[in-house]
Amino acid sequence: MHSSCEGLTSATTMMAASVERMATLATQIVEKTKIITDYLTAKGLEAASFDAGGLADFPIPSEDEAPFKARLELVALTKELHDIALTPKEGLRYLAWDVGLII
């Protein structure tokens, strides 16, 4: 039989882990962004943009493995952080309603 103290400790540990995960994601996002921006700057290239006349895609060929991989990882990391910030409850609500969320 578990005591209420054990349950509280477990919940506290889970909360600390979720806060730590958000901080870890943020740090990794900064690291991956730096790899990409350093590459673009060194090559004199612009990033993809929704601006009129902006690039429709990132000019990073797969042969340039480190920045190419960093961009793919950045997409995954930002999606995970977005999903955490959205919360499971809100995420499921939008999924159930089939409503696109624009943030």
C-alpha atoms as a PDB file:
ATOM      1  CA  MET A   1       0.000   0.000   0.000  1.00  0.00           C
ATOM      2  CA  HIS A   2       1.332   3.442  -0.952  1.00  0.00           C
ATOM      3  CA  SER A   3       1.237   6.298   1.472  1.00  0.00           C
ATOM      4  CA  SER A   4       0.004   9.733   0.437  1.00  0.00           C
ATOM      5  CA  CYS A   5       3.577  10.956   0.959  1.00  0.00           C
ATOM      6  CA  GLU A   6       4.816   8.583  -1.737  1.00  0.00           C
ATOM      7  CA  GLY A   7       2.101   9.837  -4.112  1.00  0.00           C
ATOM      8  CA  LEU A   8       3.051  13.442  -3.415  1.00  0.00           C
ATOM      9  CA  THR A   9       6.725  12.686  -4.018  1.00  0.00           C
ATOM     10  CA  SER A  10       5.876  10.979  -7.287  1.00  0.00           C
ATOM     11  CA  ALA A  11       3.723  13.920  -8.445  1.00  0.00           C
ATOM     12  CA  THR A  12       6.435  16.391  -7.447  1.00  0.00           C
ATOM     13  CA  THR A  13       9.040  14.376  -9.351  1.00  0.00           C
ATOM     14  CA  MET A  14       6.802  14.294 -12.438  1.00  0.00           C
ATOM     15  CA  MET A  15       6.255  18.070 -12.264  1.00  0.00           C
ATOM     16  CA  ALA A  16       9.982  18.686 -11.901  1.00  0.00           C
ATOM     17  CA  ALA A  17      10.634  16.405 -14.874  1.00  0.00           C
ATOM     18  CA  SER A  18       8.110  18.255 -17.055  1.00  0.00           C
ATOM     19  CA  VAL A  19       9.578  21.650 -16.129  1.00  0.00           C
ATOM     20  CA  GLU A  20      13.068  20.299 -16.771  1.00  0.00           C
ATOM     21  CA  ARG A  21      11.926  18.950 -20.167  1.00  0.00           C
ATOM     22  CA  MET A  22      10.643  22.385 -21.194  1.00  0.00           C
ATOM     23  CA  ALA A  23      13.960  23.967 -20.194  1.00  0.00           C
ATOM     24  CA  THR A  24      15.907  21.244 -22.026  1.00  0.00           C
ATOM     25  CA  LEU A  25      13.847  21.758 -25.168  1.00  0.00           C
ATOM     26  CA  ALA A  26      14.399  25.514 -25.027  1.00  0.00           C
ATOM     27  CA  THR A  27      18.160  25.029 -24.682  1.00  0.00           C
ATOM     28  CA  GLN A  28      18.256  22.544 -27.565  1.00  0.00           C
ATOM     29  CA  ILE A  29      16.183  24.902 -29.729  1.00  0.00           C
ATOM     30  CA  VAL A  30      18.735  27.680 -29.137  1.00  0.00           C
ATOM     31  CA  GLU A  31      21.611  25.312 -29.977  1.00  0.00           C
ATOM     32  CA  LYS A  32      20.015  24.061 -33.225  1.00  0.00           C
ATOM     33  CA  THR A  33      19.028  27.587 -34.243  1.00  0.00           C
ATOM     34  CA  LYS A  34      22.632  28.736 -33.765  1.00  0.00           C
ATOM     35  CA  ILE A  35      23.916  25.942 -36.021  1.00  0.00           C
ATOM     36  CA  ILE A  36      21.463  26.992 -38.723  1.00  0.00           C
ATOM     37  CA  THR A  37      22.005  30.747 -38.413  1.00  0.00           C
ATOM     38  CA  ASP A  38      25.797  30.351 -38.300  1.00  0.00           C
ATOM     39  CA  TYR A  39      25.619  28.295 -41.502  1.00  0.00           C
ATOM     40  CA  LEU A  40      23.334  30.772 -43.263  1.00  0.00           C
ATOM     41  CA  THR A  41      25.469  33.736 -42.179  1.00  0.00           C
ATOM     42  CA  ALA A  42      28.706  32.056 -43.285  1.00  0.00           C
ATOM     43  CA  LYS A  43      27.197  31.305 -46.705  1.00  0.00           C
ATOM     44  CA  GLY A  44      25.575  34.749 -47.042  1.00  0.00           C
ATOM     45  CA  LEU A  45      22.127  33.150 -47.266  1.00  0.00           C
ATOM     46  CA  GLU A  46      18.730  34.183 -45.979  1.00  0.00           C
ATOM     47  CA  ALA A  47      16.366  31.990 -43.974  1.00  0.00           C
ATOM     48  CA  ALA A  48      12.998  30.887 -45.314  1.00  0.00           C
ATOM     49  CA  SER A  49      10.373  33.536 -44.684  1.00  0.00           C
ATOM     50  CA  PHE A  50       6.694  34.342 -45.048  1.00  0.00           C
ATOM     51  CA  ASP A  51       7.686  37.870 -46.115  1.00  0.00           C
ATOM     52  CA  ALA A  52       6.786  38.953 -49.637  1.00  0.00           C
ATOM     53  CA  GLY A  53       9.683  37.876 -51.804  1.00  0.00           C
ATOM     54  CA  GLY A  54      11.119  35.704 -49.022  1.00  0.00           C
ATOM     55  CA  LEU A  55      12.530  32.254 -49.600  1.00  0.00           C
ATOM     56  CA  ALA A  56       9.934  29.494 -49.672  1.00  0.00           C
ATOM     57  CA  ASP A  57      12.402  26.890 -48.394  1.00  0.00           C
ATOM     58  CA  PHE A  58      15.641  26.746 -46.448  1.00  0.00           C
ATOM     59  CA  PRO A  59      18.676  26.841 -48.754  1.00  0.00           C
ATOM     60  CA  ILE A  60      20.443  24.045 -46.879  1.00  0.00           C
ATOM     61  CA  PRO A  61      21.275  21.038 -49.070  1.00  0.00           C
ATOM     62  CA  SER A  62      21.336  17.580 -47.507  1.00  0.00           C
ATOM     63  CA  GLU A  63      25.044  17.368 -48.367  1.00  0.00           C
ATOM     64  CA  ASP A  64      25.664  19.973 -45.646  1.00  0.00           C
ATOM     65  CA  GLU A  65      24.796  17.387 -43.038  1.00  0.00           C
ATOM     66  CA  ALA A  66      25.168  19.306 -39.759  1.00  0.00           C
ATOM     67  CA  PRO A  67      22.909  22.281 -40.572  1.00  0.00           C
ATOM     68  CA  PHE A  68      20.515  20.080 -42.565  1.00  0.00           C
ATOM     69  CA  LYS A  69      20.134  17.714 -39.600  1.00  0.00           C
ATOM     70  CA  ALA A  70      19.924  20.662 -37.165  1.00  0.00           C
ATOM     71  CA  ARG A  71      16.946  22.067 -39.091  1.00  0.00           C
ATOM     72  CA  LEU A  72      15.108  18.744 -38.970  1.00  0.00           C
ATOM     73  CA  GLU A  73      15.832  18.465 -35.245  1.00  0.00           C
ATOM     74  CA  LEU A  74      14.708  22.074 -34.731  1.00  0.00           C
ATOM     75  CA  VAL A  75      11.352  21.284 -36.316  1.00  0.00           C
ATOM     76  CA  ALA A  76      10.867  18.276 -34.003  1.00  0.00           C
ATOM     77  CA  LEU A  77      11.984  20.178 -30.893  1.00  0.00           C
ATOM     78  CA  THR A  78       9.753  23.171 -31.555  1.00  0.00           C
ATOM     79  CA  LYS A  79       6.780  20.885 -32.212  1.00  0.00           C
ATOM     80  CA  GLU A  80       7.344  19.101 -28.909  1.00  0.00           C
ATOM     81  CA  LEU A  81       7.635  22.395 -27.007  1.00  0.00           C
ATOM     82  CA  HIS A  82       4.534  23.696 -28.795  1.00  0.00           C
ATOM     83  CA  ASP A  83       2.610  20.570 -27.811  1.00  0.00           C
ATOM     84  CA  ILE A  84       3.692  20.855 -24.164  1.00  0.00           C
ATOM     85  CA  ALA A  85       2.789  24.552 -24.061  1.00  0.00           C
ATOM     86  CA  LEU A  86      -0.553  23.805 -25.690  1.00  0.00           C
ATOM     87  CA  THR A  87      -1.212  21.138 -23.002  1.00  0.00           C
ATOM     88  CA  PRO A  88      -2.635  17.683 -23.617  1.00  0.00           C
ATOM     89  CA  LYS A  89      -6.174  18.817 -22.754  1.00  0.00           C
ATOM     90  CA  GLU A  90      -6.174  21.722 -25.200  1.00  0.00           C
ATOM     91  CA  GLY A  91      -4.374  19.674 -27.845  1.00  0.00           C
ATOM     92  CA  LEU A  92      -7.005  16.936 -27.670  1.00  0.00           C
ATOM     93  CA  ARG A  93      -9.781  19.515 -27.819  1.00  0.00           C
ATOM     94  CA  TYR A  94      -8.395  20.957 -31.050  1.00  0.00           C
ATOM     95  CA  LEU A  95      -7.837  17.476 -32.428  1.00  0.00           C
ATOM     96  CA  ALA A  96     -11.415  16.447 -31.586  1.00  0.00           C
ATOM     97  CA  TRP A  97     -12.821  19.628 -33.095  1.00  0.00           C
ATOM     98  CA  ASP A  98     -10.516  19.301 -36.087  1.00  0.00           C
ATOM     99  CA  VAL A  99      -9.752  22.973 -35.744  1.00  0.00           C
ATOM    100  CA  GLY A 100      -6.449  24.336 -36.967  1.00  0.00           C
ATOM    101  CA  LEU A 101      -4.596  26.247 -34.272  1.00  0.00           C
ATOM    102  CA  ILE A 102      -2.644  29.259 -35.397  1.00  0.00           C
ATOM    103  CA  ILE A 103      -0.337  30.756 -32.817  1.00  0.00           C
END
